[in-house]
Full PDB file with SEQRES, HELIX, SHEET, SSBOND, CRYST1, ORIGX, SCALE, CONECT and MASTER records, all heavy atoms in Angstrom:
SEQRES   1 A   29  ILE SER ALA GLN THR SER VAL PRO ILE ILE GLY VAL ASN          
SEQRES   2 A   29  GLY GLY SER ALA ILE VAL LEU THR PRO LYS GLU LYS GLY          
SEQRES   3 A   29  SER THR PHE                                                  
HELIX    1 AA1 SER A    2  THR A    5  1                                   4    
HELIX    2 AA2 GLY A   14  ALA A   17  5                                   4    
CRYST1    1.000    1.000    1.000  90.00  90.00  90.00 P 1           1          
ORIGX1      1.000000  0.000000  0.000000        0.00000                         
ORIGX2      0.000000  1.000000  0.000000        0.00000                         
ORIGX3      0.000000  0.000000  1.000000        0.00000                         
SCALE1      1.000000  0.000000  0.000000        0.00000                         
SCALE2      0.000000  1.000000  0.000000        0.00000                         
SCALE3      0.000000  0.000000  1.000000        0.00000                         
ATOM      1  N   ILE A   1     -70.813 131.374 -65.648  1.00  0.00           N  
ATOM      2  CA  ILE A   1     -70.417 132.252 -66.801  1.00  0.00           C  
ATOM      3  C   ILE A   1     -69.329 133.217 -66.349  1.00  0.00           C  
ATOM      4  O   ILE A   1     -68.272 133.387 -67.129  1.00  0.00           O  
ATOM      5  CB  ILE A   1     -71.558 132.994 -67.466  1.00  0.00           C  
ATOM      6  CG1 ILE A   1     -72.460 131.999 -68.142  1.00  0.00           C  
ATOM      7  CG2 ILE A   1     -71.136 134.080 -68.356  1.00  0.00           C  
ATOM      8  CD1 ILE A   1     -73.722 132.568 -68.686  1.00  0.00           C  
ATOM      9  N   SER A   2     -69.451 133.805 -65.227  1.00  0.00           N  
ATOM     10  CA  SER A   2     -68.446 134.716 -64.741  1.00  0.00           C  
ATOM     11  C   SER A   2     -67.096 133.997 -64.536  1.00  0.00           C  
ATOM     12  O   SER A   2     -65.994 134.544 -64.860  1.00  0.00           O  
ATOM     13  CB  SER A   2     -68.927 135.349 -63.437  1.00  0.00           C  
ATOM     14  OG  SER A   2     -67.876 136.175 -62.841  1.00  0.00           O  
ATOM     15  N   ALA A   3     -67.138 132.851 -64.009  1.00  0.00           N  
ATOM     16  CA  ALA A   3     -65.880 132.077 -63.730  1.00  0.00           C  
ATOM     17  C   ALA A   3     -65.275 131.668 -65.050  1.00  0.00           C  
ATOM     18  O   ALA A   3     -63.988 131.756 -65.183  1.00  0.00           O  
ATOM     19  CB  ALA A   3     -66.234 130.791 -62.903  1.00  0.00           C  
ATOM     20  N   GLN A   4     -66.054 131.314 -66.047  1.00  0.00           N  
ATOM     21  CA  GLN A   4     -65.510 130.937 -67.335  1.00  0.00           C  
ATOM     22  C   GLN A   4     -64.969 131.996 -68.183  1.00  0.00           C  
ATOM     23  O   GLN A   4     -64.082 131.872 -68.986  1.00  0.00           O  
ATOM     24  CB  GLN A   4     -66.524 130.097 -68.053  1.00  0.00           C  
ATOM     25  CG  GLN A   4     -66.976 128.814 -67.386  1.00  0.00           C  
ATOM     26  CD  GLN A   4     -65.835 127.876 -67.120  1.00  0.00           C  
ATOM     27  OE1 GLN A   4     -65.049 127.564 -67.949  1.00  0.00           O  
ATOM     28  NE2 GLN A   4     -65.747 127.435 -65.900  1.00  0.00           N  
ATOM     29  N   THR A   5     -65.585 133.204 -68.108  1.00  0.00           N  
ATOM     30  CA  THR A   5     -65.288 134.293 -68.945  1.00  0.00           C  
ATOM     31  C   THR A   5     -64.429 135.377 -68.322  1.00  0.00           C  
ATOM     32  O   THR A   5     -63.961 136.310 -69.007  1.00  0.00           O  
ATOM     33  CB  THR A   5     -66.567 134.968 -69.551  1.00  0.00           C  
ATOM     34  OG1 THR A   5     -67.297 135.485 -68.466  1.00  0.00           O  
ATOM     35  CG2 THR A   5     -67.358 133.992 -70.353  1.00  0.00           C  
ATOM     36  N   SER A   6     -64.336 135.367 -67.056  1.00  0.00           N  
ATOM     37  CA  SER A   6     -63.635 136.437 -66.209  1.00  0.00           C  
ATOM     38  C   SER A   6     -64.260 137.788 -66.348  1.00  0.00           C  
ATOM     39  O   SER A   6     -63.624 138.817 -66.181  1.00  0.00           O  
ATOM     40  CB  SER A   6     -62.204 136.512 -66.596  1.00  0.00           C  
ATOM     41  OG  SER A   6     -61.516 135.281 -66.324  1.00  0.00           O  
ATOM     42  N   VAL A   7     -65.602 137.805 -66.740  1.00  0.00           N  
ATOM     43  CA  VAL A   7     -66.316 139.067 -66.835  1.00  0.00           C  
ATOM     44  C   VAL A   7     -67.072 139.233 -65.561  1.00  0.00           C  
ATOM     45  O   VAL A   7     -67.843 138.336 -65.118  1.00  0.00           O  
ATOM     46  CB  VAL A   7     -67.310 139.013 -68.022  1.00  0.00           C  
ATOM     47  CG1 VAL A   7     -68.203 140.210 -68.032  1.00  0.00           C  
ATOM     48  CG2 VAL A   7     -66.497 138.936 -69.331  1.00  0.00           C  
ATOM     49  N   PRO A   8     -66.922 140.380 -64.854  1.00  0.00           N  
ATOM     50  CA  PRO A   8     -67.680 140.665 -63.593  1.00  0.00           C  
ATOM     51  C   PRO A   8     -69.178 140.736 -63.950  1.00  0.00           C  
ATOM     52  O   PRO A   8     -69.589 141.345 -64.983  1.00  0.00           O  
ATOM     53  CB  PRO A   8     -67.204 141.957 -63.137  1.00  0.00           C  
ATOM     54  CG  PRO A   8     -65.902 142.194 -63.837  1.00  0.00           C  
ATOM     55  CD  PRO A   8     -65.973 141.459 -65.103  1.00  0.00           C  
ATOM     56  N   ILE A   9     -69.995 140.030 -63.098  1.00  0.00           N  
ATOM     57  CA  ILE A   9     -71.532 140.089 -63.311  1.00  0.00           C  
ATOM     58  C   ILE A   9     -72.078 140.455 -61.993  1.00  0.00           C  
ATOM     59  O   ILE A   9     -71.688 140.013 -60.923  1.00  0.00           O  
ATOM     60  CB  ILE A   9     -72.039 138.707 -63.701  1.00  0.00           C  
ATOM     61  CG1 ILE A   9     -71.389 138.259 -65.145  1.00  0.00           C  
ATOM     62  CG2 ILE A   9     -73.557 138.744 -63.734  1.00  0.00           C  
ATOM     63  CD1 ILE A   9     -71.876 136.878 -65.575  1.00  0.00           C  
ATOM     64  N   ILE A  10     -73.004 141.461 -62.018  1.00  0.00           N  
ATOM     65  CA  ILE A  10     -73.685 141.829 -60.812  1.00  0.00           C  
ATOM     66  C   ILE A  10     -75.166 141.493 -60.960  1.00  0.00           C  
ATOM     67  O   ILE A  10     -75.848 141.858 -61.931  1.00  0.00           O  
ATOM     68  CB  ILE A  10     -73.640 143.423 -60.627  1.00  0.00           C  
ATOM     69  CG1 ILE A  10     -72.143 143.821 -60.531  1.00  0.00           C  
ATOM     70  CG2 ILE A  10     -74.373 143.847 -59.415  1.00  0.00           C  
ATOM     71  CD1 ILE A  10     -71.874 145.323 -60.522  1.00  0.00           C  
ATOM     72  N   GLY A  11     -75.674 140.618 -60.021  1.00  0.00           N  
ATOM     73  CA  GLY A  11     -77.117 140.260 -59.981  1.00  0.00           C  
ATOM     74  C   GLY A  11     -77.795 141.194 -59.003  1.00  0.00           C  
ATOM     75  O   GLY A  11     -77.480 141.264 -57.892  1.00  0.00           O  
ATOM     76  N   VAL A  12     -78.857 141.820 -59.581  1.00  0.00           N  
ATOM     77  CA  VAL A  12     -79.479 142.882 -58.674  1.00  0.00           C  
ATOM     78  C   VAL A  12     -80.955 142.442 -58.285  1.00  0.00           C  
ATOM     79  O   VAL A  12     -81.503 143.202 -57.449  1.00  0.00           O  
ATOM     80  CB  VAL A  12     -79.548 144.213 -59.408  1.00  0.00           C  
ATOM     81  CG1 VAL A  12     -78.066 144.771 -59.549  1.00  0.00           C  
ATOM     82  CG2 VAL A  12     -80.224 144.237 -60.763  1.00  0.00           C  
ATOM     83  N   ASN A  13     -81.544 141.489 -58.902  1.00  0.00           N  
ATOM     84  CA  ASN A  13     -82.933 141.259 -58.563  1.00  0.00           C  
ATOM     85  C   ASN A  13     -83.251 139.799 -58.951  1.00  0.00           C  
ATOM     86  O   ASN A  13     -82.660 139.221 -59.875  1.00  0.00           O  
ATOM     87  CB  ASN A  13     -83.833 142.198 -59.182  1.00  0.00           C  
ATOM     88  CG  ASN A  13     -85.249 142.061 -58.718  1.00  0.00           C  
ATOM     89  OD1 ASN A  13     -85.493 141.811 -57.533  1.00  0.00           O  
ATOM     90  ND2 ASN A  13     -86.238 142.328 -59.556  1.00  0.00           N  
ATOM     91  N   GLY A  14     -84.312 139.186 -58.384  1.00  0.00           N  
ATOM     92  CA  GLY A  14     -84.794 137.976 -58.745  1.00  0.00           C  
ATOM     93  C   GLY A  14     -83.816 136.841 -58.481  1.00  0.00           C  
ATOM     94  O   GLY A  14     -83.065 136.843 -57.485  1.00  0.00           O  
ATOM     95  N   GLY A  15     -83.815 135.815 -59.374  1.00  0.00           N  
ATOM     96  CA  GLY A  15     -82.978 134.640 -59.169  1.00  0.00           C  
ATOM     97  C   GLY A  15     -81.578 135.015 -59.267  1.00  0.00           C  
ATOM     98  O   GLY A  15     -80.743 134.339 -58.580  1.00  0.00           O  
ATOM     99  N   SER A  16     -81.140 136.054 -59.948  1.00  0.00           N  
ATOM    100  CA  SER A  16     -79.764 136.370 -59.954  1.00  0.00           C  
ATOM    101  C   SER A  16     -79.192 136.953 -58.741  1.00  0.00           C  
ATOM    102  O   SER A  16     -78.010 136.989 -58.452  1.00  0.00           O  
ATOM    103  CB  SER A  16     -79.495 137.359 -61.109  1.00  0.00           C  
ATOM    104  OG  SER A  16     -80.069 138.603 -60.863  1.00  0.00           O  
ATOM    105  N   ALA A  17     -80.118 137.401 -57.796  1.00  0.00           N  
ATOM    106  CA  ALA A  17     -79.679 137.985 -56.543  1.00  0.00           C  
ATOM    107  C   ALA A  17     -79.800 136.987 -55.347  1.00  0.00           C  
ATOM    108  O   ALA A  17     -79.562 137.384 -54.238  1.00  0.00           O  
ATOM    109  CB  ALA A  17     -80.495 139.225 -56.247  1.00  0.00           C  
ATOM    110  N   ILE A  18     -80.304 135.787 -55.595  1.00  0.00           N  
ATOM    111  CA  ILE A  18     -80.333 134.710 -54.583  1.00  0.00           C  
ATOM    112  C   ILE A  18     -78.929 134.374 -54.227  1.00  0.00           C  
ATOM    113  O   ILE A  18     -78.172 133.903 -55.049  1.00  0.00           O  
ATOM    114  CB  ILE A  18     -81.203 133.513 -55.015  1.00  0.00           C  
ATOM    115  CG1 ILE A  18     -82.628 133.933 -55.231  1.00  0.00           C  
ATOM    116  CG2 ILE A  18     -81.010 132.406 -54.044  1.00  0.00           C  
ATOM    117  CD1 ILE A  18     -83.471 132.803 -55.780  1.00  0.00           C  
ATOM    118  N   VAL A  19     -78.573 134.635 -53.003  1.00  0.00           N  
ATOM    119  CA  VAL A  19     -77.128 134.521 -52.599  1.00  0.00           C  
ATOM    120  C   VAL A  19     -76.642 133.066 -52.682  1.00  0.00           C  
ATOM    121  O   VAL A  19     -77.226 132.165 -52.030  1.00  0.00           O  
ATOM    122  CB  VAL A  19     -76.919 135.146 -51.227  1.00  0.00           C  
ATOM    123  CG1 VAL A  19     -75.519 134.972 -50.734  1.00  0.00           C  
ATOM    124  CG2 VAL A  19     -77.353 136.603 -51.181  1.00  0.00           C  
ATOM    125  N   LEU A  20     -75.538 132.814 -53.372  1.00  0.00           N  
ATOM    126  CA  LEU A  20     -74.914 131.584 -53.416  1.00  0.00           C  
ATOM    127  C   LEU A  20     -73.618 131.539 -52.601  1.00  0.00           C  
ATOM    128  O   LEU A  20     -72.903 132.497 -52.595  1.00  0.00           O  
ATOM    129  CB  LEU A  20     -74.416 131.326 -54.884  1.00  0.00           C  
ATOM    130  CG  LEU A  20     -75.449 131.170 -55.973  1.00  0.00           C  
ATOM    131  CD1 LEU A  20     -74.676 131.044 -57.317  1.00  0.00           C  
ATOM    132  CD2 LEU A  20     -76.271 129.961 -55.739  1.00  0.00           C  
ATOM    133  N   THR A  21     -73.442 130.485 -51.917  1.00  0.00           N  
ATOM    134  CA  THR A  21     -72.204 130.302 -51.210  1.00  0.00           C  
ATOM    135  C   THR A  21     -71.898 128.734 -51.286  1.00  0.00           C  
ATOM    136  O   THR A  21     -72.685 127.970 -51.041  1.00  0.00           O  
ATOM    137  CB  THR A  21     -72.224 130.683 -49.775  1.00  0.00           C  
ATOM    138  OG1 THR A  21     -73.378 130.036 -49.147  1.00  0.00           O  
ATOM    139  CG2 THR A  21     -72.404 132.188 -49.548  1.00  0.00           C  
ATOM    140  N   PRO A  22     -70.745 128.341 -51.642  1.00  0.00           N  
ATOM    141  CA  PRO A  22     -69.644 129.185 -52.183  1.00  0.00           C  
ATOM    142  C   PRO A  22     -69.804 129.476 -53.616  1.00  0.00           C  
ATOM    143  O   PRO A  22     -70.566 128.781 -54.314  1.00  0.00           O  
ATOM    144  CB  PRO A  22     -68.390 128.384 -51.922  1.00  0.00           C  
ATOM    145  CG  PRO A  22     -68.900 126.918 -52.016  1.00  0.00           C  
ATOM    146  CD  PRO A  22     -70.350 126.949 -51.531  1.00  0.00           C  
ATOM    147  N   LYS A  23     -69.040 130.371 -54.108  1.00  0.00           N  
ATOM    148  CA  LYS A  23     -69.013 130.653 -55.596  1.00  0.00           C  
ATOM    149  C   LYS A  23     -68.005 129.800 -56.295  1.00  0.00           C  
ATOM    150  O   LYS A  23     -67.111 129.166 -55.704  1.00  0.00           O  
ATOM    151  CB  LYS A  23     -68.605 132.170 -55.774  1.00  0.00           C  
ATOM    152  CG  LYS A  23     -69.509 133.185 -55.077  1.00  0.00           C  
ATOM    153  CD  LYS A  23     -70.546 133.669 -55.966  1.00  0.00           C  
ATOM    154  CE  LYS A  23     -71.278 134.867 -55.524  1.00  0.00           C  
ATOM    155  NZ  LYS A  23     -72.080 134.737 -54.339  1.00  0.00           N  
ATOM    156  N   GLU A  24     -68.118 129.812 -57.631  1.00  0.00           N  
ATOM    157  CA  GLU A  24     -67.198 129.071 -58.470  1.00  0.00           C  
ATOM    158  C   GLU A  24     -65.760 129.660 -58.300  1.00  0.00           C  
ATOM    159  O   GLU A  24     -65.716 130.868 -58.168  1.00  0.00           O  
ATOM    160  CB  GLU A  24     -67.599 129.169 -59.928  1.00  0.00           C  
ATOM    161  CG  GLU A  24     -68.788 128.321 -60.374  1.00  0.00           C  
ATOM    162  CD  GLU A  24     -68.482 126.925 -60.638  1.00  0.00           C  
ATOM    163  OE1 GLU A  24     -67.357 126.581 -60.930  1.00  0.00           O  
ATOM    164  OE2 GLU A  24     -69.426 126.075 -60.404  1.00  0.00           O  
ATOM    165  N   LYS A  25     -64.734 128.831 -58.356  1.00  0.00           N  
ATOM    166  CA  LYS A  25     -63.358 129.399 -58.351  1.00  0.00           C  
ATOM    167  C   LYS A  25     -63.158 130.312 -59.576  1.00  0.00           C  
ATOM    168  O   LYS A  25     -63.424 129.988 -60.691  1.00  0.00           O  
ATOM    169  CB  LYS A  25     -62.394 128.285 -58.376  1.00  0.00           C  
ATOM    170  CG  LYS A  25     -60.950 128.692 -58.223  1.00  0.00           C  
ATOM    171  CD  LYS A  25     -59.964 127.515 -58.109  1.00  0.00           C  
ATOM    172  CE  LYS A  25     -58.658 128.180 -58.013  1.00  0.00           C  
ATOM    173  NZ  LYS A  25     -57.642 127.283 -57.461  1.00  0.00           N  
ATOM    174  N   GLY A  26     -62.690 131.537 -59.276  1.00  0.00           N  
ATOM    175  CA  GLY A  26     -62.382 132.541 -60.332  1.00  0.00           C  
ATOM    176  C   GLY A  26     -63.624 133.400 -60.727  1.00  0.00           C  
ATOM    177  O   GLY A  26     -63.456 134.244 -61.523  1.00  0.00           O  
ATOM    178  N   SER A  27     -64.732 133.129 -60.046  1.00  0.00           N  
ATOM    179  CA  SER A  27     -65.935 133.918 -60.278  1.00  0.00           C  
ATOM    180  C   SER A  27     -65.856 135.335 -59.796  1.00  0.00           C  
ATOM    181  O   SER A  27     -65.254 135.531 -58.703  1.00  0.00           O  
ATOM    182  CB  SER A  27     -67.116 133.254 -59.645  1.00  0.00           C  
ATOM    183  OG  SER A  27     -68.280 134.085 -59.749  1.00  0.00           O  
ATOM    184  N   THR A  28     -66.274 136.306 -60.547  1.00  0.00           N  
ATOM    185  CA  THR A  28     -66.473 137.679 -60.138  1.00  0.00           C  
ATOM    186  C   THR A  28     -67.894 138.031 -60.193  1.00  0.00           C  
ATOM    187  O   THR A  28     -68.277 139.017 -60.751  1.00  0.00           O  
ATOM    188  CB  THR A  28     -65.567 138.607 -60.944  1.00  0.00           C  
ATOM    189  OG1 THR A  28     -65.873 138.394 -62.326  1.00  0.00           O  
ATOM    190  CG2 THR A  28     -64.099 138.386 -60.693  1.00  0.00           C  
ATOM    191  N   PHE A  29     -68.738 137.224 -59.599  1.00  0.00           N  
ATOM    192  CA  PHE A  29     -70.171 137.319 -59.610  1.00  0.00           C  
ATOM    193  C   PHE A  29     -70.554 137.972 -58.227  1.00  0.00           C  
ATOM    194  O   PHE A  29     -70.464 137.388 -57.169  1.00  0.00           O  
ATOM    195  CB  PHE A  29     -70.820 136.059 -59.788  1.00  0.00           C  
ATOM    196  CG  PHE A  29     -72.340 136.046 -59.811  1.00  0.00           C  
ATOM    197  CD1 PHE A  29     -72.970 137.062 -60.456  1.00  0.00           C  
ATOM    198  CD2 PHE A  29     -73.010 134.983 -59.294  1.00  0.00           C  
ATOM    199  CE1 PHE A  29     -74.388 137.070 -60.452  1.00  0.00           C  
ATOM    200  CE2 PHE A  29     -74.406 134.963 -59.295  1.00  0.00           C  
ATOM    201  CZ  PHE A  29     -75.114 136.028 -59.907  1.00  0.00           C  
TER     202      PHE A  29                                                      
MASTER        0    0    0    2    0    0    0    6  201    1    0    3          
END                                                                             
């Protein structure tokens, strides 16, 4: 969603904070 919308998203807990590598191109997650 961050990559598609260019909206910065911050994941702070739970599944959203499980570290992904690499990120989608253009993501600001």
